[in-house]
Amino acid sequence: MTSSAQQTAAATVEARNTPARVSAWAAAVGVGLIVAIFATPMFWLLYGGYYTFAVFVSGVVAVPAGHLGRRRGRRPGGRDRGLALLCIVAGWLLILCSVLLVLVYAGALVGFALLVDAAS
């Protein structure tokens, strides 16, 4: 081997054996995700009513906006009718989930009241 080929081979081997570099941003995002996994249930317990209201309002806004988008998509030169349909479906799913959450909250309150009443 010539000396330049040996240097190239040495540089290749040296480049392969370097440790992986992790940016501070990637490490911070990883730590943030781990914290979010543990913090989210706590926030739902503390502020669940606000989150449920926000989900409901988002659904109520999404359904008419989707219908408006479908109507505009029918006009000449209109586009993105599929995205408007997705908006309609997502809006109704958000409304359904928020109503189910309200029923779960109400059921939990009734169950807790019955539990307290049975204990006394």
PDB file of N, CA and C in Angstrom:
ATOM      1  N   MET A   1       0.835  -1.185   0.000  1.00  0.00           N
ATOM      2  CA  MET A   1       0.000   0.000   0.000  1.00  0.00           C
ATOM      3  C   MET A   1       0.877   1.245   0.000  1.00  0.00           C
ATOM      4  N   THR A   2       0.366   2.242  -0.651  1.00  0.00           N
ATOM      5  CA  THR A   2       1.086   3.508  -0.638  1.00  0.00           C
ATOM      6  C   THR A   2       0.743   4.263   0.624  1.00  0.00           C
ATOM      7  N   SER A   3       1.496   5.276   0.894  1.00  0.00           N
ATOM      8  CA  SER A   3       1.267   6.018   2.127  1.00  0.00           C
ATOM      9  C   SER A   3      -0.057   6.765   2.111  1.00  0.00           C
ATOM     10  N   SER A   4      -0.488   7.259   0.954  1.00  0.00           N
ATOM     11  CA  SER A   4      -1.779   7.957   0.902  1.00  0.00           C
ATOM     12  C   SER A   4      -2.932   6.981   1.097  1.00  0.00           C
ATOM     13  N   ALA A   5      -2.798   5.762   0.570  1.00  0.00           N
ATOM     14  CA  ALA A   5      -3.841   4.755   0.764  1.00  0.00           C
ATOM     15  C   ALA A   5      -3.896   4.333   2.230  1.00  0.00           C
ATOM     16  N   GLN A   6      -2.725   4.250   2.868  1.00  0.00           N
ATOM     17  CA  GLN A   6      -2.685   3.901   4.281  1.00  0.00           C
ATOM     18  C   GLN A   6      -3.321   5.001   5.128  1.00  0.00           C
ATOM     19  N   GLN A   7      -3.075   6.249   4.774  1.00  0.00           N
ATOM     20  CA  GLN A   7      -3.673   7.355   5.509  1.00  0.00           C
ATOM     21  C   GLN A   7      -5.187   7.364   5.342  1.00  0.00           C
ATOM     22  N   THR A   8      -5.657   7.068   4.128  1.00  0.00           N
ATOM     23  CA  THR A   8      -7.099   7.034   3.882  1.00  0.00           C
ATOM     24  C   THR A   8      -7.741   5.906   4.672  1.00  0.00           C
ATOM     25  N   ALA A   9      -7.099   4.743   4.674  1.00  0.00           N
ATOM     26  CA  ALA A   9      -7.627   3.607   5.433  1.00  0.00           C
ATOM     27  C   ALA A   9      -7.619   3.911   6.930  1.00  0.00           C
ATOM     28  N   ALA A  10      -6.582   4.564   7.415  1.00  0.00           N
ATOM     29  CA  ALA A  10      -6.508   4.913   8.837  1.00  0.00           C
ATOM     30  C   ALA A  10      -7.577   5.936   9.199  1.00  0.00           C
ATOM     31  N   ALA A  11      -7.817   6.883   8.296  1.00  0.00           N
ATOM     32  CA  ALA A  11      -8.852   7.892   8.550  1.00  0.00           C
ATOM     33  C   ALA A  11     -10.225   7.248   8.555  1.00  0.00           C
ATOM     34  N   THR A  12     -10.445   6.260   7.674  1.00  0.00           N
ATOM     35  CA  THR A  12     -11.725   5.569   7.634  1.00  0.00           C
ATOM     36  C   THR A  12     -11.952   4.786   8.915  1.00  0.00           C
ATOM     37  N   VAL A  13     -10.949   4.065   9.379  1.00  0.00           N
ATOM     38  CA  VAL A  13     -11.063   3.292  10.609  1.00  0.00           C
ATOM     39  C   VAL A  13     -11.267   4.235  11.792  1.00  0.00           C
ATOM     40  N   GLU A  14     -10.547   5.337  11.794  1.00  0.00           N
ATOM     41  CA  GLU A  14     -10.663   6.287  12.883  1.00  0.00           C
ATOM     42  C   GLU A  14     -12.049   6.928  12.907  1.00  0.00           C
ATOM     43  N   ALA A  15     -12.618   7.206  11.754  1.00  0.00           N
ATOM     44  CA  ALA A  15     -13.944   7.812  11.692  1.00  0.00           C
ATOM     45  C   ALA A  15     -15.012   6.839  12.156  1.00  0.00           C
ATOM     46  N   ARG A  16     -14.822   5.569  11.900  1.00  0.00           N
ATOM     47  CA  ARG A  16     -15.818   4.580  12.308  1.00  0.00           C
ATOM     48  C   ARG A  16     -15.843   4.371  13.817  1.00  0.00           C
ATOM     49  N   ASN A  17     -14.736   4.566  14.471  1.00  0.00           N
ATOM     50  CA  ASN A  17     -14.647   4.268  15.896  1.00  0.00           C
ATOM     51  C   ASN A  17     -14.869   5.478  16.787  1.00  0.00           C
ATOM     52  N   THR A  18     -15.368   6.547  16.235  1.00  0.00           N
ATOM     53  CA  THR A  18     -15.647   7.713  17.070  1.00  0.00           C
ATOM     54  C   THR A  18     -16.966   7.504  17.806  1.00  0.00           C
ATOM     55  N   PRO A  19     -17.071   8.002  19.028  1.00  0.00           N
ATOM     56  CA  PRO A  19     -18.330   7.840  19.760  1.00  0.00           C
ATOM     57  C   PRO A  19     -19.442   8.681  19.122  1.00  0.00           C
ATOM     58  N   ALA A  20     -20.648   8.246  19.312  1.00  0.00           N
ATOM     59  CA  ALA A  20     -21.796   8.964  18.766  1.00  0.00           C
ATOM     60  C   ALA A  20     -21.944  10.289  19.496  1.00  0.00           C
ATOM     61  N   ARG A  21     -22.228  11.328  18.733  1.00  0.00           N
ATOM     62  CA  ARG A  21     -22.436  12.642  19.323  1.00  0.00           C
ATOM     63  C   ARG A  21     -23.931  12.884  19.448  1.00  0.00           C
ATOM     64  N   VAL A  22     -24.352  13.275  20.619  1.00  0.00           N
ATOM     65  CA  VAL A  22     -25.758  13.590  20.860  1.00  0.00           C
ATOM     66  C   VAL A  22     -25.839  15.076  21.146  1.00  0.00           C
ATOM     67  N   SER A  23     -26.679  15.747  20.400  1.00  0.00           N
ATOM     68  CA  SER A  23     -26.801  17.181  20.617  1.00  0.00           C
ATOM     69  C   SER A  23     -27.558  17.456  21.913  1.00  0.00           C
ATOM     70  N   ALA A  24     -27.333  18.622  22.445  1.00  0.00           N
ATOM     71  CA  ALA A  24     -28.032  19.022  23.665  1.00  0.00           C
ATOM     72  C   ALA A  24     -29.533  19.110  23.406  1.00  0.00           C
ATOM     73  N   TRP A  25     -29.901  19.511  22.191  1.00  0.00           N
ATOM     74  CA  TRP A  25     -31.323  19.616  21.842  1.00  0.00           C
ATOM     75  C   TRP A  25     -31.992  18.240  21.896  1.00  0.00           C
ATOM     76  N   ALA A  26     -31.359  17.217  21.328  1.00  0.00           N
ATOM     77  CA  ALA A  26     -31.935  15.877  21.336  1.00  0.00           C
ATOM     78  C   ALA A  26     -32.040  15.339  22.761  1.00  0.00           C
ATOM     79  N   ALA A  27     -31.043  15.611  23.580  1.00  0.00           N
ATOM     80  CA  ALA A  27     -31.096  15.156  24.976  1.00  0.00           C
ATOM     81  C   ALA A  27     -32.214  15.866  25.728  1.00  0.00           C
ATOM     82  N   ALA A  28     -32.368  17.170  25.486  1.00  0.00           N
ATOM     83  CA  ALA A  28     -33.426  17.922  26.170  1.00  0.00           C
ATOM     84  C   ALA A  28     -34.803  17.447  25.745  1.00  0.00           C
ATOM     85  N   VAL A  29     -34.969  17.146  24.457  1.00  0.00           N
ATOM     86  CA  VAL A  29     -36.260  16.643  23.979  1.00  0.00           C
ATOM     87  C   VAL A  29     -36.559  15.284  24.604  1.00  0.00           C
ATOM     88  N   GLY A  30     -35.560  14.423  24.701  1.00  0.00           N
ATOM     89  CA  GLY A  30     -35.762  13.120  25.325  1.00  0.00           C
ATOM     90  C   GLY A  30     -36.163  13.235  26.781  1.00  0.00           C
ATOM     91  N   VAL A  31     -35.485  14.094  27.518  1.00  0.00           N
ATOM     92  CA  VAL A  31     -35.836  14.300  28.926  1.00  0.00           C
ATOM     93  C   VAL A  31     -37.228  14.909  29.035  1.00  0.00           C
ATOM     94  N   GLY A  32     -37.556  15.853  28.142  1.00  0.00           N
ATOM     95  CA  GLY A  32     -38.881  16.467  28.157  1.00  0.00           C
ATOM     96  C   GLY A  32     -39.989  15.464  27.905  1.00  0.00           C
ATOM     97  N   LEU A  33     -39.744  14.543  26.987  1.00  0.00           N
ATOM     98  CA  LEU A  33     -40.759  13.523  26.705  1.00  0.00           C
ATOM     99  C   LEU A  33     -40.961  12.592  27.902  1.00  0.00           C
ATOM    100  N   ILE A  34     -39.882  12.245  28.565  1.00  0.00           N
ATOM    101  CA  ILE A  34     -40.001  11.385  29.738  1.00  0.00           C
ATOM    102  C   ILE A  34     -40.774  12.106  30.845  1.00  0.00           C
ATOM    103  N   VAL A  35     -40.481  13.376  31.055  1.00  0.00           N
ATOM    104  CA  VAL A  35     -41.206  14.154  32.065  1.00  0.00           C
ATOM    105  C   VAL A  35     -42.670  14.278  31.678  1.00  0.00           C
ATOM    106  N   ALA A  36     -42.948  14.484  30.391  1.00  0.00           N
ATOM    107  CA  ALA A  36     -44.333  14.636  29.937  1.00  0.00           C
ATOM    108  C   ALA A  36     -45.141  13.364  30.158  1.00  0.00           C
ATOM    109  N   ILE A  37     -44.496  12.216  30.026  1.00  0.00           N
ATOM    110  CA  ILE A  37     -45.206  10.953  30.247  1.00  0.00           C
ATOM    111  C   ILE A  37     -45.709  10.873  31.689  1.00  0.00           C
ATOM    112  N   PHE A  38     -44.905  11.353  32.624  1.00  0.00           N
ATOM    113  CA  PHE A  38     -45.308  11.300  34.024  1.00  0.00           C
ATOM    114  C   PHE A  38     -46.190  12.478  34.431  1.00  0.00           C
ATOM    115  N   ALA A  39     -46.033  13.627  33.778  1.00  0.00           N
ATOM    116  CA  ALA A  39     -46.765  14.820  34.181  1.00  0.00           C
ATOM    117  C   ALA A  39     -48.164  14.892  33.576  1.00  0.00           C
ATOM    118  N   THR A  40     -48.373  14.285  32.413  1.00  0.00           N
ATOM    119  CA  THR A  40     -49.664  14.412  31.734  1.00  0.00           C
ATOM    120  C   THR A  40     -50.827  13.886  32.568  1.00  0.00           C
ATOM    121  N   PRO A  41     -50.756  12.701  33.163  1.00  0.00           N
ATOM    122  CA  PRO A  41     -51.895  12.269  33.991  1.00  0.00           C
ATOM    123  C   PRO A  41     -52.168  13.198  35.163  1.00  0.00           C
ATOM    124  N   MET A  42     -51.117  13.766  35.729  1.00  0.00           N
ATOM    125  CA  MET A  42     -51.314  14.686  36.848  1.00  0.00           C
ATOM    126  C   MET A  42     -52.053  15.941  36.373  1.00  0.00           C
ATOM    127  N   PHE A  43     -51.678  16.484  35.204  1.00  0.00           N
ATOM    128  CA  PHE A  43     -52.364  17.655  34.681  1.00  0.00           C
ATOM    129  C   PHE A  43     -53.806  17.337  34.305  1.00  0.00           C
ATOM    130  N   TRP A  44     -54.051  16.126  33.809  1.00  0.00           N
ATOM    131  CA  TRP A  44     -55.433  15.754  33.494  1.00  0.00           C
ATOM    132  C   TRP A  44     -56.277  15.689  34.750  1.00  0.00           C
ATOM    133  N   LEU A  45     -55.690  15.226  35.835  1.00  0.00           N
ATOM    134  CA  LEU A  45     -56.450  15.178  37.087  1.00  0.00           C
ATOM    135  C   LEU A  45     -56.702  16.575  37.635  1.00  0.00           C
ATOM    136  N   LEU A  46     -55.723  17.462  37.497  1.00  0.00           N
ATOM    137  CA  LEU A  46     -55.870  18.808  38.037  1.00  0.00           C
ATOM    138  C   LEU A  46     -56.724  19.710  37.150  1.00  0.00           C
ATOM    139  N   TYR A  47     -56.476  19.658  35.832  1.00  0.00           N
ATOM    140  CA  TYR A  47     -57.106  20.593  34.908  1.00  0.00           C
ATOM    141  C   TYR A  47     -57.908  19.894  33.822  1.00  0.00           C
ATOM    142  N   GLY A  48     -58.448  18.741  34.106  1.00  0.00           N
ATOM    143  CA  GLY A  48     -59.164  17.955  33.101  1.00  0.00           C
ATOM    144  C   GLY A  48     -60.375  18.651  32.530  1.00  0.00           C
ATOM    145  N   GLY A  49     -61.071  19.416  33.351  1.00  0.00           N
ATOM    146  CA  GLY A  49     -62.246  20.134  32.873  1.00  0.00           C
ATOM    147  C   GLY A  49     -61.885  21.162  31.815  1.00  0.00           C
ATOM    148  N   TYR A  50     -60.758  21.857  32.013  1.00  0.00           N
ATOM    149  CA  TYR A  50     -60.316  22.848  31.029  1.00  0.00           C
ATOM    150  C   TYR A  50     -59.907  22.178  29.719  1.00  0.00           C
ATOM    151  N   TYR A  51     -59.193  21.047  29.835  1.00  0.00           N
ATOM    152  CA  TYR A  51     -58.789  20.329  28.637  1.00  0.00           C
ATOM    153  C   TYR A  51     -60.008  19.813  27.877  1.00  0.00           C
ATOM    154  N   THR A  52     -60.969  19.288  28.594  1.00  0.00           N
ATOM    155  CA  THR A  52     -62.172  18.773  27.947  1.00  0.00           C
ATOM    156  C   THR A  52     -62.928  19.893  27.257  1.00  0.00           C
ATOM    157  N   PHE A  53     -63.017  21.044  27.892  1.00  0.00           N
ATOM    158  CA  PHE A  53     -63.679  22.189  27.272  1.00  0.00           C
ATOM    159  C   PHE A  53     -62.931  22.637  26.020  1.00  0.00           C
ATOM    160  N   ALA A  54     -61.599  22.653  26.071  1.00  0.00           N
ATOM    161  CA  ALA A  54     -60.804  23.042  24.904  1.00  0.00           C
ATOM    162  C   ALA A  54     -60.989  22.053  23.760  1.00  0.00           C
ATOM    163  N   VAL A  55     -61.061  20.761  24.069  1.00  0.00           N
ATOM    164  CA  VAL A  55     -61.291  19.746  23.037  1.00  0.00           C
ATOM    165  C   VAL A  55     -62.668  19.936  22.414  1.00  0.00           C
ATOM    166  N   PHE A  56     -63.676  20.210  23.244  1.00  0.00           N
ATOM    167  CA  PHE A  56     -65.032  20.411  22.731  1.00  0.00           C
ATOM    168  C   PHE A  56     -65.099  21.645  21.827  1.00  0.00           C
ATOM    169  N   VAL A  57     -64.508  22.738  22.257  1.00  0.00           N
ATOM    170  CA  VAL A  57     -64.529  23.967  21.450  1.00  0.00           C
ATOM    171  C   VAL A  57     -63.779  23.755  20.137  1.00  0.00           C
ATOM    172  N   SER A  58     -62.670  23.024  20.172  1.00  0.00           N
ATOM    173  CA  SER A  58     -61.936  22.734  18.937  1.00  0.00           C
ATOM    174  C   SER A  58     -62.798  21.936  17.969  1.00  0.00           C
ATOM    175  N   GLY A  59     -63.551  20.979  18.477  1.00  0.00           N
ATOM    176  CA  GLY A  59     -64.441  20.202  17.616  1.00  0.00           C
ATOM    177  C   GLY A  59     -65.569  21.035  17.052  1.00  0.00           C
ATOM    178  N   VAL A  60     -66.124  21.924  17.886  1.00  0.00           N
ATOM    179  CA  VAL A  60     -67.220  22.781  17.426  1.00  0.00           C
ATOM    180  C   VAL A  60     -66.733  23.748  16.350  1.00  0.00           C
ATOM    181  N   VAL A  61     -65.497  24.181  16.418  1.00  0.00           N
ATOM    182  CA  VAL A  61     -64.943  25.059  15.381  1.00  0.00           C
ATOM    183  C   VAL A  61     -64.584  24.257  14.132  1.00  0.00           C
ATOM    184  N   ALA A  62     -64.087  23.029  14.308  1.00  0.00           N
ATOM    185  CA  ALA A  62     -63.612  22.236  13.175  1.00  0.00           C
ATOM    186  C   ALA A  62     -64.745  21.788  12.250  1.00  0.00           C
ATOM    187  N   VAL A  63     -65.906  21.455  12.798  1.00  0.00           N
ATOM    188  CA  VAL A  63     -66.996  20.938  11.955  1.00  0.00           C
ATOM    189  C   VAL A  63     -67.492  21.992  10.968  1.00  0.00           C
ATOM    190  N   PRO A  64     -67.870  23.199  11.390  1.00  0.00           N
ATOM    191  CA  PRO A  64     -68.299  24.189  10.396  1.00  0.00           C
ATOM    192  C   PRO A  64     -67.177  24.610   9.453  1.00  0.00           C
ATOM    193  N   ALA A  65     -65.948  24.663   9.959  1.00  0.00           N
ATOM    194  CA  ALA A  65     -64.831  25.015   9.075  1.00  0.00           C
ATOM    195  C   ALA A  65     -64.642  23.954   7.998  1.00  0.00           C
ATOM    196  N   GLY A  66     -64.814  22.695   8.355  1.00  0.00           N
ATOM    197  CA  GLY A  66     -64.715  21.624   7.363  1.00  0.00           C
ATOM    198  C   GLY A  66     -65.820  21.691   6.327  1.00  0.00           C
ATOM    199  N   HIS A  67     -67.042  21.990   6.776  1.00  0.00           N
ATOM    200  CA  HIS A  67     -68.146  22.124   5.818  1.00  0.00           C
ATOM    201  C   HIS A  67     -67.915  23.313   4.890  1.00  0.00           C
ATOM    202  N   LEU A  68     -67.381  24.401   5.425  1.00  0.00           N
ATOM    203  CA  LEU A  68     -67.067  25.555   4.594  1.00  0.00           C
ATOM    204  C   LEU A  68     -65.986  25.194   3.570  1.00  0.00           C
ATOM    205  N   GLY A  69     -64.998  24.444   3.994  1.00  0.00           N
ATOM    206  CA  GLY A  69     -63.951  24.003   3.078  1.00  0.00           C
ATOM    207  C   GLY A  69     -64.477  23.075   1.995  1.00  0.00           C
ATOM    208  N   ARG A  70     -65.405  22.199   2.347  1.00  0.00           N
ATOM    209  CA  ARG A  70     -65.994  21.319   1.325  1.00  0.00           C
ATOM    210  C   ARG A  70     -66.782  22.128   0.314  1.00  0.00           C
ATOM    211  N   ARG A  71     -67.510  23.138   0.784  1.00  0.00           N
ATOM    212  CA  ARG A  71     -68.282  23.976  -0.127  1.00  0.00           C
ATOM    213  C   ARG A  71     -67.353  24.754  -1.061  1.00  0.00           C
ATOM    214  N   ARG A  72     -66.273  25.299  -0.520  1.00  0.00           N
ATOM    215  CA  ARG A  72     -65.327  26.032  -1.368  1.00  0.00           C
ATOM    216  C   ARG A  72     -64.605  25.107  -2.327  1.00  0.00           C
ATOM    217  N   GLY A  73     -64.447  23.854  -1.956  1.00  0.00           N
ATOM    218  CA  GLY A  73     -63.790  22.892  -2.828  1.00  0.00           C
ATOM    219  C   GLY A  73     -64.618  22.531  -4.041  1.00  0.00           C
ATOM    220  N   ARG A  74     -65.930  22.719  -3.987  1.00  0.00           N
ATOM    221  CA  ARG A  74     -66.795  22.415  -5.126  1.00  0.00           C
ATOM    222  C   ARG A  74     -66.725  23.485  -6.206  1.00  0.00           C
ATOM    223  N   ARG A  75     -66.307  24.676  -5.847  1.00  0.00           N
ATOM    224  CA  ARG A  75     -66.223  25.764  -6.818  1.00  0.00           C
ATOM    225  C   ARG A  75     -65.148  25.464  -7.849  1.00  0.00           C
ATOM    226  N   PRO A  76     -65.207  26.109  -8.998  1.00  0.00           N
ATOM    227  CA  PRO A  76     -64.152  25.905 -10.004  1.00  0.00           C
ATOM    228  C   PRO A  76     -62.794  26.316  -9.437  1.00  0.00           C
ATOM    229  N   GLY A  77     -61.840  25.473  -9.630  1.00  0.00           N
ATOM    230  CA  GLY A  77     -60.499  25.727  -9.102  1.00  0.00           C
ATOM    231  C   GLY A  77     -60.351  25.365  -7.643  1.00  0.00           C
ATOM    232  N   GLY A  78     -61.396  24.796  -7.057  1.00  0.00           N
ATOM    233  CA  GLY A  78     -61.326  24.419  -5.649  1.00  0.00           C
ATOM    234  C   GLY A  78     -60.455  23.191  -5.459  1.00  0.00           C
ATOM    235  N   ARG A  79     -59.853  23.098  -4.292  1.00  0.00           N
ATOM    236  CA  ARG A  79     -58.996  21.943  -4.009  1.00  0.00           C
ATOM    237  C   ARG A  79     -59.067  21.632  -2.520  1.00  0.00           C
ATOM    238  N   ASP A  80     -58.417  20.583  -2.111  1.00  0.00           N
ATOM    239  CA  ASP A  80     -58.316  20.162  -0.704  1.00  0.00           C
ATOM    240  C   ASP A  80     -59.660  19.764  -0.106  1.00  0.00           C
ATOM    241  N   ARG A  81     -60.509  19.133  -0.887  1.00  0.00           N
ATOM    242  CA  ARG A  81     -61.782  18.650  -0.334  1.00  0.00           C
ATOM    243  C   ARG A  81     -61.549  17.509   0.648  1.00  0.00           C
ATOM    244  N   GLY A  82     -60.520  16.710   0.403  1.00  0.00           N
ATOM    245  CA  GLY A  82     -60.205  15.621   1.321  1.00  0.00           C
ATOM    246  C   GLY A  82     -59.764  16.132   2.677  1.00  0.00           C
ATOM    247  N   LEU A  83     -58.996  17.212   2.692  1.00  0.00           N
ATOM    248  CA  LEU A  83     -58.569  17.808   3.945  1.00  0.00           C
ATOM    249  C   LEU A  83     -59.761  18.377   4.708  1.00  0.00           C
ATOM    250  N   ALA A  84     -60.718  18.942   3.974  1.00  0.00           N
ATOM    251  CA  ALA A  84     -61.922  19.458   4.619  1.00  0.00           C
ATOM    252  C   ALA A  84     -62.737  18.315   5.228  1.00  0.00           C
ATOM    253  N   LEU A  85     -62.811  17.187   4.525  1.00  0.00           N
ATOM    254  CA  LEU A  85     -63.512  16.031   5.069  1.00  0.00           C
ATOM    255  C   LEU A  85     -62.813  15.518   6.325  1.00  0.00           C
ATOM    256  N   LEU A  86     -61.499  15.518   6.311  1.00  0.00           N
ATOM    257  CA  LEU A  86     -60.743  15.125   7.499  1.00  0.00           C
ATOM    258  C   LEU A  86     -61.043  16.060   8.663  1.00  0.00           C
ATOM    259  N   CYS A  87     -61.202  17.336   8.387  1.00  0.00           N
ATOM    260  CA  CYS A  87     -61.536  18.315   9.420  1.00  0.00           C
ATOM    261  C   CYS A  87     -62.918  18.021  10.017  1.00  0.00           C
ATOM    262  N   ILE A  88     -63.860  17.666   9.164  1.00  0.00           N
ATOM    263  CA  ILE A  88     -65.209  17.345   9.647  1.00  0.00           C
ATOM    264  C   ILE A  88     -65.171  16.105  10.542  1.00  0.00           C
ATOM    265  N   VAL A  89     -64.507  15.067  10.072  1.00  0.00           N
ATOM    266  CA  VAL A  89     -64.442  13.817  10.840  1.00  0.00           C
ATOM    267  C   VAL A  89     -63.702  14.032  12.157  1.00  0.00           C
ATOM    268  N   ALA A  90     -62.586  14.747  12.109  1.00  0.00           N
ATOM    269  CA  ALA A  90     -61.828  15.001  13.338  1.00  0.00           C
ATOM    270  C   ALA A  90     -62.641  15.844  14.310  1.00  0.00           C
ATOM    271  N   GLY A  91     -63.394  16.814  13.792  1.00  0.00           N
ATOM    272  CA  GLY A  91     -64.233  17.639  14.670  1.00  0.00           C
ATOM    273  C   GLY A  91     -65.281  16.822  15.388  1.00  0.00           C
ATOM    274  N   TRP A  92     -65.954  15.943  14.650  1.00  0.00           N
ATOM    275  CA  TRP A  92     -66.969  15.106  15.299  1.00  0.00           C
ATOM    276  C   TRP A  92     -66.346  14.143  16.294  1.00  0.00           C
ATOM    277  N   LEU A  93     -65.148  13.628  15.991  1.00  0.00           N
ATOM    278  CA  LEU A  93     -64.473  12.751  16.948  1.00  0.00           C
ATOM    279  C   LEU A  93     -64.070  13.512  18.214  1.00  0.00           C
ATOM    280  N   LEU A  94     -63.630  14.759  18.048  1.00  0.00           N
ATOM    281  CA  LEU A  94     -63.295  15.567  19.224  1.00  0.00           C
ATOM    282  C   LEU A  94     -64.527  15.822  20.087  1.00  0.00           C
ATOM    283  N   ILE A  95     -65.649  16.120  19.442  1.00  0.00           N
ATOM    284  CA  ILE A  95     -66.892  16.347  20.193  1.00  0.00           C
ATOM    285  C   ILE A  95     -67.300  15.068  20.922  1.00  0.00           C
ATOM    286  N   LEU A  96     -67.227  13.926  20.225  1.00  0.00           N
ATOM    287  CA  LEU A  96     -67.583  12.646  20.844  1.00  0.00           C
ATOM    288  C   LEU A  96     -66.685  12.346  22.035  1.00  0.00           C
ATOM    289  N   CYS A  97     -65.370  12.546  21.871  1.00  0.00           N
ATOM    290  CA  CYS A  97     -64.444  12.270  22.980  1.00  0.00           C
ATOM    291  C   CYS A  97     -64.697  13.187  24.165  1.00  0.00           C
ATOM    292  N   SER A  98     -65.003  14.453  23.907  1.00  0.00           N
ATOM    293  CA  SER A  98     -65.253  15.363  25.025  1.00  0.00           C
ATOM    294  C   SER A  98     -66.545  15.001  25.751  1.00  0.00           C
ATOM    295  N   VAL A  99     -67.569  14.578  25.010  1.00  0.00           N
ATOM    296  CA  VAL A  99     -68.812  14.150  25.663  1.00  0.00           C
ATOM    297  C   VAL A  99     -68.568  12.885  26.491  1.00  0.00           C
ATOM    298  N   LEU A 100     -67.790  11.960  25.951  1.00  0.00           N
ATOM    299  CA  LEU A 100     -67.466  10.748  26.707  1.00  0.00           C
ATOM    300  C   LEU A 100     -66.665  11.089  27.966  1.00  0.00           C
ATOM    301  N   LEU A 101     -65.752  12.046  27.870  1.00  0.00           N
ATOM    302  CA  LEU A 101     -64.989  12.448  29.051  1.00  0.00           C
ATOM    303  C   LEU A 101     -65.894  13.061  30.117  1.00  0.00           C
ATOM    304  N   VAL A 102     -66.867  13.860  29.698  1.00  0.00           N
ATOM    305  CA  VAL A 102     -67.806  14.437  30.665  1.00  0.00           C
ATOM    306  C   VAL A 102     -68.599  13.327  31.347  1.00  0.00           C
ATOM    307  N   LEU A 103     -69.014  12.317  30.572  1.00  0.00           N
ATOM    308  CA  LEU A 103     -69.731  11.192  31.170  1.00  0.00           C
ATOM    309  C   LEU A 103     -68.848  10.408  32.136  1.00  0.00           C
ATOM    310  N   VAL A 104     -67.566  10.265  31.807  1.00  0.00           N
ATOM    311  CA  VAL A 104     -66.641   9.572  32.703  1.00  0.00           C
ATOM    312  C   VAL A 104     -66.461  10.376  33.990  1.00  0.00           C
ATOM    313  N   TYR A 105     -66.295  11.696  33.865  1.00  0.00           N
ATOM    314  CA  TYR A 105     -66.181  12.529  35.063  1.00  0.00           C
ATOM    315  C   TYR A 105     -67.426  12.405  35.928  1.00  0.00           C
ATOM    316  N   ALA A 106     -68.594  12.486  35.300  1.00  0.00           N
ATOM    317  CA  ALA A 106     -69.849  12.393  36.057  1.00  0.00           C
ATOM    318  C   ALA A 106     -69.976  11.026  36.720  1.00  0.00           C
ATOM    319  N   GLY A 107     -69.621   9.981  36.000  1.00  0.00           N
ATOM    320  CA  GLY A 107     -69.677   8.641  36.574  1.00  0.00           C
ATOM    321  C   GLY A 107     -68.708   8.476  37.729  1.00  0.00           C
ATOM    322  N   ALA A 108     -67.531   9.076  37.617  1.00  0.00           N
ATOM    323  CA  ALA A 108     -66.564   8.999  38.713  1.00  0.00           C
ATOM    324  C   ALA A 108     -67.075   9.741  39.940  1.00  0.00           C
ATOM    325  N   LEU A 109     -67.699  10.895  39.725  1.00  0.00           N
ATOM    326  CA  LEU A 109     -68.249  11.638  40.863  1.00  0.00           C
ATOM    327  C   LEU A 109     -69.383  10.874  41.537  1.00  0.00           C
ATOM    328  N   VAL A 110     -70.266  10.284  40.750  1.00  0.00           N
ATOM    329  CA  VAL A 110     -71.372   9.509  41.314  1.00  0.00           C
ATOM    330  C   VAL A 110     -70.828   8.282  42.061  1.00  0.00           C
ATOM    331  N   GLY A 111     -69.852   7.608  41.454  1.00  0.00           N
ATOM    332  CA  GLY A 111     -69.261   6.450  42.111  1.00  0.00           C
ATOM    333  C   GLY A 111     -68.579   6.826  43.410  1.00  0.00           C
ATOM    334  N   PHE A 112     -67.884   7.952  43.417  1.00  0.00           N
ATOM    335  CA  PHE A 112     -67.226   8.408  44.647  1.00  0.00           C
ATOM    336  C   PHE A 112     -68.275   8.782  45.701  1.00  0.00           C
ATOM    337  N   ALA A 113     -69.368   9.412  45.283  1.00  0.00           N
ATOM    338  CA  ALA A 113     -70.437   9.761  46.244  1.00  0.00           C
ATOM    339  C   ALA A 113     -71.061   8.506  46.822  1.00  0.00           C
ATOM    340  N   LEU A 114     -71.283   7.486  46.009  1.00  0.00           N
ATOM    341  CA  LEU A 114     -71.848   6.250  46.507  1.00  0.00           C
ATOM    342  C   LEU A 114     -70.875   5.537  47.446  1.00  0.00           C
ATOM    343  N   LEU A 115     -69.594   5.615  47.147  1.00  0.00           N
ATOM    344  CA  LEU A 115     -68.589   4.991  47.990  1.00  0.00           C
ATOM    345  C   LEU A 115     -68.527   5.672  49.361  1.00  0.00           C
ATOM    346  N   VAL A 116     -68.581   6.997  49.357  1.00  0.00           N
ATOM    347  CA  VAL A 116     -68.556   7.743  50.609  1.00  0.00           C
ATOM    348  C   VAL A 116     -69.842   7.479  51.405  1.00  0.00           C
ATOM    349  N   ASP A 117     -70.966   7.389  50.698  1.00  0.00           N
ATOM    350  CA  ASP A 117     -72.239   7.140  51.366  1.00  0.00           C
ATOM    351  C   ASP A 117     -72.276   5.729  51.972  1.00  0.00           C
ATOM    352  N   ALA A 118     -71.705   4.756  51.274  1.00  0.00           N
ATOM    353  CA  ALA A 118     -71.693   3.395  51.787  1.00  0.00           C
ATOM    354  C   ALA A 118     -70.750   3.264  52.985  1.00  0.00           C
ATOM    355  N   ALA A 119     -69.703   4.073  53.016  1.00  0.00           N
ATOM    356  CA  ALA A 119     -68.736   3.999  54.113  1.00  0.00           C
ATOM    357  C   ALA A 119     -69.299   4.616  55.390  1.00  0.00           C
ATOM    358  N   SER A 120     -70.252   5.534  55.258  1.00  0.00           N
ATOM    359  CA  SER A 120     -70.768   6.197  56.469  1.00  0.00           C
ATOM    360  C   SER A 120     -72.014   5.568  56.987  1.00  0.00           C
TER     361      SER A 120
END
